[in-house]
Amino acid sequence: MARRDPQRRTSGVGNTKSSDKRPTGREVIGFVEKFLRIPDGPHAGQPLILAPWQKQEIHRIYDNPVGTRRAIISTARKNAKTTLCGALLLNHLCGPSARNRPNTRLYSSGQSRDQAALTFDQARKMVLWNPDLRQIISIKESSKILRYDELGIEYKALSSEAHTAQGLNPVLHICDELGQVVGPHSDLFEALELATAAQRDPLTVIISTQSASDADLLSTLIDDGLAGHDSHTLVSLYSAPKDIDPFAEATIRLANPSFDLFMNQDEILAMAAAARRLPAREASYRRYTLNQRIQEANPFVSPSVWDACHGPVAPLNELPVLFGGIDLSSVNDLSAFVLVGKKGDRWHSHCRFWLPQEGLTEKAAADHANAQGRFRHANRNVDSPLLGRSLTQRLRRQ
């Protein structure tokens, strides 16, 4: 394995003994663009020139006056998120952020072994493309480890399948695609987040497409960060609003900061056209191309058609003829009662949904939802809470 000759001096890479101050965004950008190369693709091996939005994110992270504990960057897919992860990782391994941080541990995490290997693979290729980096960085392919031997700084890729996060002591945690976590909890993420108490200025960088649900872990972190409770937490959310034309080119740009730089615009516009024609593709298009929170299941009515039905609903006494339907459940499912009537050329619907209050917490856990929020949502149009465990028994009593 290639190591640096003690007599050989590289052209600046690995020289981390200049001062004890925190690195600035300008220093990090300078390191990336001077020493790192594009890891793969048609331009592999060429200098890695950061996009303007990537430079902006680096400045936000490293130039935060109060310091950054957690940075969340959420964009649509194919905006070079993993490449940015690899660049930030090498900055902490042998660049400005390694300054006076000997014998520290760096980690990246993914929800599967394949996902966890992506950040490692990008960083490994960047090392191999640069002769100076090859001299100072040891690569252990089988265990997904990179090590800067002179300072004893080591990076390792972890997956949620490994169950090895307990007892770690990370100074940097790069979390790739946390949006894949369903529900409000991830054992791997929590173990790494709670293992930083002994470190000075630990940093977590989360780079991911959004989760499907408001109750998923990444969504809760984004919403908490946007609320501004902690000045050490930064959130950059590149997402298209749900109330504008989802197929317009201007809408696509809002979720894809690299759209005019290196993305295949014809391919993305073709995806938009296909989603417009084929309702079954619209949900995945909205989530992965527009970075919206939306379930990928193929509903009977597509989201755009559903949203087009928004508007004021006429009161029941203005609907001369009503059609009603009821869907009863017993314990676990929602019950529904719907009345539909026509006024002029429009149909108006009055809907009521409910479920028993007892056992609601268990139901919410099974559905990865907030129990109180689900109860309020399900019973928002009901005069009084439906107490008890079984709706069927209540109806029988009545």
Protein backbone atom coordinates (compact mmCIF):
# COMPACT_ATOMS: atom_id res chain seq x y z
CA MET A 1 0.00 0.00 0.00
CA ALA A 2 1.39 3.38 -0.99
CA ARG A 3 2.73 5.53 1.83
CA ARG A 4 4.57 8.82 1.82
CA ASP A 5 8.36 8.70 1.79
CA PRO A 6 9.51 10.59 4.93
CA GLN A 7 11.93 12.59 2.78
CA ARG A 8 9.34 13.48 0.16
CA ARG A 9 7.45 16.77 0.51
CA THR A 10 4.14 17.07 -1.25
CA SER A 11 2.82 20.31 -2.72
CA GLY A 12 0.75 21.30 0.31
CA VAL A 13 -1.54 18.35 0.75
CA GLY A 14 -1.42 16.91 4.24
CA ASN A 15 0.33 20.00 5.64
CA THR A 16 -2.02 20.58 8.56
CA LYS A 17 0.25 22.22 11.14
CA SER A 18 -0.14 25.86 10.16
CA SER A 19 -2.37 27.09 13.01
CA ASP A 20 -4.92 26.09 15.61
CA LYS A 21 -7.81 28.14 14.24
CA ARG A 22 -10.86 26.62 12.61
CA PRO A 23 -10.62 26.25 8.84
CA THR A 24 -12.54 28.77 6.79
CA GLY A 25 -14.83 28.00 3.90
CA ARG A 26 -12.30 29.59 1.57
CA GLU A 27 -9.57 27.21 2.79
CA VAL A 28 -11.79 24.16 2.35
CA ILE A 29 -12.80 25.22 -1.17
CA GLY A 30 -9.15 25.89 -2.02
CA PHE A 31 -8.13 22.41 -0.86
CA VAL A 32 -10.92 20.69 -2.80
CA GLU A 33 -10.28 22.50 -6.07
CA LYS A 34 -6.48 22.21 -5.84
CA PHE A 35 -6.04 18.59 -4.83
CA LEU A 36 -9.20 16.67 -5.69
CA ARG A 37 -10.24 15.28 -9.04
CA ILE A 38 -13.62 14.30 -10.47
CA PRO A 39 -13.87 10.65 -9.38
CA ASP A 40 -15.82 9.14 -12.28
CA GLY A 41 -17.92 9.87 -15.34
CA PRO A 42 -16.92 11.40 -18.68
CA HIS A 43 -14.74 14.04 -16.96
CA ALA A 44 -13.03 11.69 -14.51
CA GLY A 45 -9.55 12.82 -13.52
CA GLN A 46 -10.13 16.48 -14.25
CA PRO A 47 -9.91 19.03 -11.40
CA LEU A 48 -13.01 19.08 -9.21
CA ILE A 49 -14.40 22.61 -9.60
CA LEU A 50 -17.23 23.10 -7.13
CA ALA A 51 -20.57 24.44 -8.31
CA PRO A 52 -21.61 27.85 -6.92
CA TRP A 53 -24.25 26.26 -4.71
CA GLN A 54 -21.69 23.79 -3.32
CA LYS A 55 -19.32 26.64 -2.46
CA GLN A 56 -22.20 28.43 -0.77
CA GLU A 57 -22.92 25.38 1.38
CA ILE A 58 -19.25 25.03 2.35
CA HIS A 59 -19.12 28.69 3.39
CA ARG A 60 -22.29 28.24 5.47
CA ILE A 61 -20.83 25.23 7.28
CA TYR A 62 -17.31 26.46 7.96
CA ASP A 63 -17.92 30.21 8.31
CA ASN A 64 -20.78 30.00 10.79
CA PRO A 65 -19.80 32.57 13.51
CA VAL A 66 -21.15 30.35 16.30
CA GLY A 67 -19.83 27.12 14.79
CA THR A 68 -21.77 24.37 13.04
CA ARG A 69 -22.76 21.19 14.85
CA ARG A 70 -25.13 19.80 12.20
CA ALA A 71 -25.59 20.75 8.54
CA ILE A 72 -28.44 19.35 6.46
CA ILE A 73 -28.36 19.72 2.67
CA SER A 74 -31.34 18.30 0.80
CA THR A 75 -31.59 18.30 -2.99
CA ALA A 76 -33.18 16.11 -5.63
CA ARG A 77 -31.25 13.13 -6.93
CA LYS A 78 -28.27 13.38 -9.30
CA ASN A 79 -26.97 16.71 -7.99
CA ALA A 80 -23.54 15.24 -7.07
CA LYS A 81 -24.43 14.91 -3.39
CA THR A 82 -22.16 11.89 -2.85
CA THR A 83 -19.26 13.60 -4.60
CA LEU A 84 -19.64 16.52 -2.19
CA CYS A 85 -19.67 14.00 0.69
CA GLY A 86 -16.38 12.53 -0.51
CA ALA A 87 -14.78 15.97 -0.86
CA LEU A 88 -15.80 17.05 2.66
CA LEU A 89 -14.55 13.74 4.03
CA LEU A 90 -11.07 14.19 2.53
CA ASN A 91 -10.98 17.76 3.84
CA HIS A 92 -11.30 16.34 7.37
CA LEU A 93 -8.93 13.46 6.67
CA CYS A 94 -5.95 15.35 5.24
CA GLY A 95 -7.08 18.90 4.42
CA PRO A 96 -7.58 22.11 6.41
CA SER A 97 -10.08 20.55 8.82
CA ALA A 98 -7.48 17.94 9.85
CA ARG A 99 -5.40 20.79 11.28
CA ASN A 100 -4.29 19.88 14.84
CA ARG A 101 -6.86 17.06 15.05
CA PRO A 102 -4.56 14.01 15.28
CA ASN A 103 -5.83 10.52 16.06
CA THR A 104 -9.46 11.40 15.33
CA ARG A 105 -12.10 9.19 13.75
CA LEU A 106 -14.33 10.03 10.81
CA TYR A 107 -17.37 8.07 9.70
CA SER A 108 -19.91 8.01 6.92
CA SER A 109 -23.15 6.11 7.27
CA GLY A 110 -25.69 4.58 4.92
CA GLN A 111 -28.77 2.44 5.29
CA SER A 112 -27.23 -0.50 3.43
CA ARG A 113 -23.73 -1.78 2.72
CA ASP A 114 -24.00 -0.62 -0.88
CA GLN A 115 -25.16 2.86 0.13
CA ALA A 116 -22.44 3.17 2.77
CA ALA A 117 -19.81 2.17 0.21
CA LEU A 118 -20.71 5.03 -2.17
CA THR A 119 -19.07 7.81 -0.11
CA PHE A 120 -16.02 5.61 0.51
CA ASP A 121 -15.78 4.82 -3.20
CA GLN A 122 -15.93 8.49 -4.21
CA ALA A 123 -13.22 9.42 -1.70
CA ARG A 124 -11.07 6.43 -2.68
CA LYS A 125 -11.16 7.39 -6.36
CA MET A 126 -10.24 10.99 -5.52
CA VAL A 127 -7.22 9.68 -3.61
CA LEU A 128 -6.14 7.44 -6.48
CA TRP A 129 -6.39 10.24 -9.04
CA ASN A 130 -3.88 12.41 -7.13
CA PRO A 131 -0.27 11.14 -6.77
CA ASP A 132 0.28 13.24 -3.64
CA LEU A 133 -2.79 11.81 -1.93
CA ARG A 134 -1.75 8.29 -2.91
CA GLN A 135 1.52 8.87 -1.05
CA ILE A 136 -0.09 9.76 2.28
CA ILE A 137 -3.45 7.93 2.39
CA SER A 138 -3.67 4.19 3.10
CA ILE A 139 -6.65 2.42 1.53
CA LYS A 140 -8.19 -0.72 3.01
CA GLU A 141 -10.75 -1.72 0.42
CA SER A 142 -12.23 -4.74 2.19
CA SER A 143 -13.01 -2.88 5.42
CA LYS A 144 -13.87 0.45 3.73
CA ILE A 145 -11.17 2.42 5.59
CA LEU A 146 -8.99 5.36 4.58
CA ARG A 147 -6.15 6.38 6.92
CA TYR A 148 -3.80 9.35 7.04
CA ASP A 149 -0.91 7.65 8.83
CA GLU A 150 1.14 10.74 9.71
CA LEU A 151 -1.62 12.16 11.95
CA GLY A 152 -3.35 8.88 12.74
CA ILE A 153 -6.68 10.11 11.35
CA GLU A 154 -8.91 7.31 10.15
CA TYR A 155 -12.17 7.18 8.19
CA LYS A 156 -14.54 4.23 7.99
CA ALA A 157 -17.81 3.66 6.15
CA LEU A 158 -20.61 2.17 8.27
CA SER A 159 -23.98 0.74 7.37
CA SER A 160 -27.07 0.11 9.47
CA GLU A 161 -26.58 -3.60 8.74
CA ALA A 162 -23.23 -3.71 10.55
CA HIS A 163 -24.40 -3.06 14.15
CA THR A 164 -20.95 -1.67 15.00
CA ALA A 165 -21.73 1.93 15.95
CA GLN A 166 -21.62 1.55 19.73
CA GLY A 167 -18.39 2.70 21.37
CA LEU A 168 -17.30 4.93 18.48
CA ASN A 169 -15.94 8.45 18.97
CA PRO A 170 -16.52 10.46 15.77
CA VAL A 171 -15.32 14.00 15.14
CA LEU A 172 -17.06 13.93 11.74
CA HIS A 173 -20.16 12.02 10.67
CA ILE A 174 -21.29 12.26 7.06
CA CYS A 175 -24.75 10.79 6.62
CA ASP A 176 -25.63 9.99 3.03
CA GLU A 177 -29.33 9.62 2.07
CA LEU A 178 -30.84 9.67 5.55
CA GLY A 179 -34.15 10.16 3.72
CA GLN A 180 -34.27 6.40 3.20
CA VAL A 181 -35.02 5.90 6.90
CA VAL A 182 -38.73 5.16 7.40
CA GLY A 183 -40.04 6.35 10.74
CA PRO A 184 -38.62 8.71 13.36
CA HIS A 185 -35.63 6.63 14.51
CA SER A 186 -32.42 5.07 13.20
CA ASP A 187 -30.22 3.09 15.61
CA LEU A 188 -27.08 3.83 13.58
CA PHE A 189 -27.74 7.56 13.32
CA GLU A 190 -28.59 7.89 17.02
CA ALA A 191 -25.52 5.91 18.09
CA LEU A 192 -23.20 8.16 16.08
CA GLU A 193 -24.94 11.36 17.18
CA LEU A 194 -24.72 10.41 20.87
CA ALA A 195 -21.04 9.41 20.62
CA THR A 196 -19.59 12.89 20.10
CA ALA A 197 -19.58 14.17 23.69
CA ALA A 198 -15.82 13.75 24.10
CA GLN A 199 -14.96 15.66 20.91
CA ARG A 200 -14.17 19.32 20.41
CA ASP A 201 -16.32 20.84 17.65
CA PRO A 202 -17.88 17.64 16.25
CA LEU A 203 -19.69 17.98 12.94
CA THR A 204 -22.51 16.01 11.33
CA VAL A 205 -23.25 16.62 7.65
CA ILE A 206 -26.47 15.12 6.29
CA ILE A 207 -26.81 15.19 2.49
CA SER A 208 -29.97 13.55 1.22
CA THR A 209 -33.12 13.67 -0.85
CA GLN A 210 -36.18 14.23 1.35
CA SER A 211 -38.09 11.48 3.14
CA ALA A 212 -41.58 10.51 2.05
CA SER A 213 -43.40 11.48 5.25
CA ASP A 214 -43.39 14.35 7.73
CA ALA A 215 -42.98 11.75 10.51
CA ASP A 216 -39.75 10.27 9.11
CA LEU A 217 -36.43 11.02 10.82
CA LEU A 218 -34.98 13.35 8.18
CA SER A 219 -38.21 15.35 7.99
CA THR A 220 -38.23 15.91 11.74
CA LEU A 221 -34.59 17.07 11.64
CA ILE A 222 -35.26 19.44 8.72
CA ASP A 223 -38.37 20.90 10.34
CA ASP A 224 -36.58 21.39 13.65
CA GLY A 225 -33.65 23.07 11.91
CA LEU A 226 -35.86 25.38 9.86
CA ALA A 227 -37.65 26.42 13.05
CA GLY A 228 -34.39 28.07 14.14
CA HIS A 229 -34.19 26.59 17.64
CA ASP A 230 -30.42 25.99 17.42
CA SER A 231 -28.02 28.38 15.68
CA HIS A 232 -25.49 25.52 15.42
CA THR A 233 -27.83 23.66 13.05
CA LEU A 234 -28.02 24.70 9.39
CA VAL A 235 -30.57 23.55 6.83
CA SER A 236 -30.50 24.10 3.07
CA LEU A 237 -33.63 22.69 1.45
CA TYR A 238 -33.79 22.68 -2.35
CA SER A 239 -37.38 21.64 -2.98
CA ALA A 240 -40.20 22.59 -5.34
CA PRO A 241 -43.40 23.82 -3.67
CA LYS A 242 -46.37 21.52 -4.16
CA ASP A 243 -48.72 24.30 -5.26
CA ILE A 244 -46.95 25.18 -8.53
CA ASP A 245 -46.79 23.39 -11.89
CA PRO A 246 -44.68 20.27 -11.15
CA PHE A 247 -43.71 19.79 -14.79
CA ALA A 248 -42.43 23.29 -15.57
CA GLU A 249 -38.70 23.74 -16.14
CA ALA A 250 -38.58 26.58 -13.60
CA THR A 251 -40.07 24.24 -10.98
CA ILE A 252 -37.46 21.58 -11.68
CA ARG A 253 -34.67 24.12 -11.18
CA LEU A 254 -35.84 24.88 -7.64
CA ALA A 255 -34.98 21.34 -6.49
CA ASN A 256 -31.94 20.83 -8.74
CA PRO A 257 -29.24 23.47 -8.15
CA SER A 258 -27.02 21.68 -10.69
CA PHE A 259 -29.66 21.65 -13.44
CA ASP A 260 -27.84 24.26 -15.58
CA LEU A 261 -24.37 22.93 -14.79
CA PHE A 262 -23.84 19.23 -15.49
CA MET A 263 -27.22 17.51 -15.36
CA ASN A 264 -28.77 15.95 -18.47
CA GLN A 265 -31.61 18.43 -18.98
CA ASP A 266 -33.19 16.51 -21.85
CA GLU A 267 -33.42 13.38 -19.71
CA ILE A 268 -34.97 15.23 -16.76
CA LEU A 269 -37.51 16.98 -18.97
CA ALA A 270 -38.35 13.60 -20.50
CA MET A 271 -39.01 12.29 -16.97
CA ALA A 272 -41.33 15.23 -16.36
CA ALA A 273 -43.20 14.56 -19.60
CA ALA A 274 -43.56 10.86 -18.73
CA ALA A 275 -44.87 11.70 -15.25
CA ARG A 276 -47.43 14.05 -16.81
CA ARG A 277 -48.66 11.30 -19.17
CA LEU A 278 -48.45 8.38 -16.74
CA PRO A 279 -50.01 9.02 -13.31
CA ALA A 280 -48.22 5.97 -11.86
CA ARG A 281 -44.89 7.78 -12.27
CA GLU A 282 -45.91 11.11 -10.79
CA ALA A 283 -45.31 10.26 -7.13
CA SER A 284 -41.72 9.05 -7.64
CA TYR A 285 -41.04 11.98 -9.98
CA ARG A 286 -42.21 14.43 -7.34
CA ARG A 287 -40.12 12.83 -4.61
CA TYR A 288 -36.84 12.22 -6.42
CA THR A 289 -36.82 14.96 -9.09
CA LEU A 290 -38.68 17.72 -7.23
CA ASN A 291 -37.50 16.67 -3.73
CA GLN A 292 -41.00 16.76 -2.27
CA ARG A 293 -42.29 14.73 0.65
CA ILE A 294 -44.71 12.35 -0.95
CA GLN A 295 -45.52 8.67 -0.68
CA GLU A 296 -44.36 6.62 -3.66
CA ALA A 297 -47.41 4.36 -3.64
CA ASN A 298 -49.48 4.62 -6.83
CA PRO A 299 -52.83 6.06 -5.74
CA PHE A 300 -56.08 5.72 -7.61
CA VAL A 301 -56.05 9.52 -8.05
CA SER A 302 -52.70 11.16 -8.87
CA PRO A 303 -51.47 14.04 -6.63
CA SER A 304 -51.97 16.69 -9.33
CA VAL A 305 -55.57 15.59 -10.00
CA TRP A 306 -56.26 15.46 -6.25
CA ASP A 307 -54.83 18.95 -5.71
CA ALA A 308 -56.94 20.29 -8.59
CA CYS A 309 -60.05 19.45 -6.54
CA HIS A 310 -59.23 22.02 -3.86
CA GLY A 311 -61.77 24.77 -3.34
CA PRO A 312 -64.68 25.94 -1.18
CA VAL A 313 -67.25 23.27 -0.32
CA ALA A 314 -70.95 24.16 -0.38
CA PRO A 315 -72.85 23.47 2.86
CA LEU A 316 -75.11 20.43 2.98
CA ASN A 317 -78.33 22.49 2.86
CA GLU A 318 -77.30 23.82 -0.58
CA LEU A 319 -76.93 20.35 -2.08
CA PRO A 320 -80.40 19.17 -3.20
CA VAL A 321 -79.43 15.50 -3.68
CA LEU A 322 -76.86 13.69 -1.56
CA PHE A 323 -75.17 10.34 -2.05
CA GLY A 324 -73.60 8.77 1.03
CA GLY A 325 -71.13 6.04 1.71
CA ILE A 326 -69.70 4.58 4.91
CA ASP A 327 -66.61 2.43 5.39
CA LEU A 328 -66.46 0.93 8.88
CA SER A 329 -63.43 -0.52 10.59
CA SER A 330 -63.02 -2.45 13.80
CA VAL A 331 -59.77 -1.69 15.63
CA ASN A 332 -56.80 -0.71 13.46
CA ASP A 333 -58.11 1.11 10.39
CA LEU A 334 -59.73 4.49 9.88
CA SER A 335 -63.50 4.60 9.44
CA ALA A 336 -65.01 7.03 6.96
CA PHE A 337 -68.41 8.58 6.23
CA VAL A 338 -68.68 10.62 3.01
CA LEU A 339 -71.58 12.63 1.57
CA VAL A 340 -71.39 13.88 -2.04
CA GLY A 341 -73.76 16.29 -3.76
CA LYS A 342 -73.81 18.35 -6.96
CA LYS A 343 -74.28 22.10 -7.15
CA GLY A 344 -74.22 23.54 -10.65
CA ASP A 345 -71.51 21.74 -12.59
CA ARG A 346 -69.38 20.85 -9.55
CA TRP A 347 -69.50 17.99 -7.08
CA HIS A 348 -68.98 18.83 -3.39
CA SER A 349 -67.94 16.30 -0.74
CA HIS A 350 -68.25 16.29 3.05
CA CYS A 351 -65.95 13.74 4.67
CA ARG A 352 -65.65 12.48 8.24
CA PHE A 353 -62.90 10.14 9.49
CA TRP A 354 -62.37 8.58 12.89
CA LEU A 355 -60.82 5.74 14.87
CA PRO A 356 -60.83 4.57 18.51
CA GLN A 357 -58.56 6.49 20.88
CA GLU A 358 -57.44 3.48 22.91
CA GLY A 359 -54.37 1.82 21.42
CA LEU A 360 -53.67 4.85 19.23
CA THR A 361 -49.98 5.00 20.22
CA GLU A 362 -49.44 1.41 19.07
CA LYS A 363 -51.23 2.11 15.79
CA ALA A 364 -49.11 5.21 15.18
CA ALA A 365 -45.89 3.30 15.88
CA ALA A 366 -46.88 0.63 13.38
CA ASP A 367 -47.56 3.33 10.77
CA HIS A 368 -44.46 5.42 11.72
CA ALA A 369 -46.74 8.36 12.60
CA ASN A 370 -47.17 10.75 15.49
CA ALA A 371 -49.92 9.44 17.75
CA GLN A 372 -51.40 12.74 18.86
CA GLY A 373 -51.14 14.18 15.38
CA ARG A 374 -52.85 11.14 13.92
CA PHE A 375 -55.65 11.32 16.50
CA ARG A 376 -56.26 15.01 15.84
CA HIS A 377 -56.19 14.44 12.07
CA ALA A 378 -58.46 11.40 12.15
CA ASN A 379 -61.01 12.91 14.55
CA ARG A 380 -60.86 16.54 13.44
CA ASN A 381 -64.42 16.42 12.04
CA VAL A 382 -65.98 14.44 14.89
CA ASP A 383 -67.95 16.08 17.72
CA SER A 384 -66.33 14.02 20.48
CA PRO A 385 -63.42 11.54 20.75
CA LEU A 386 -64.32 7.92 20.09
CA LEU A 387 -63.20 6.31 23.32
CA GLY A 388 -62.53 2.63 23.74
CA ARG A 389 -60.60 0.06 21.72
CA SER A 390 -63.14 -1.31 19.23
CA LEU A 391 -65.36 0.80 17.02
CA THR A 392 -67.61 -2.20 16.28
CA GLN A 393 -68.43 -2.69 19.95
CA ARG A 394 -69.25 1.00 20.33
CA LEU A 395 -71.64 0.91 17.38
CA ARG A 396 -73.31 -2.18 18.78
CA ARG A 397 -73.85 -0.42 22.11
CA GLN A 398 -75.43 2.51 20.28
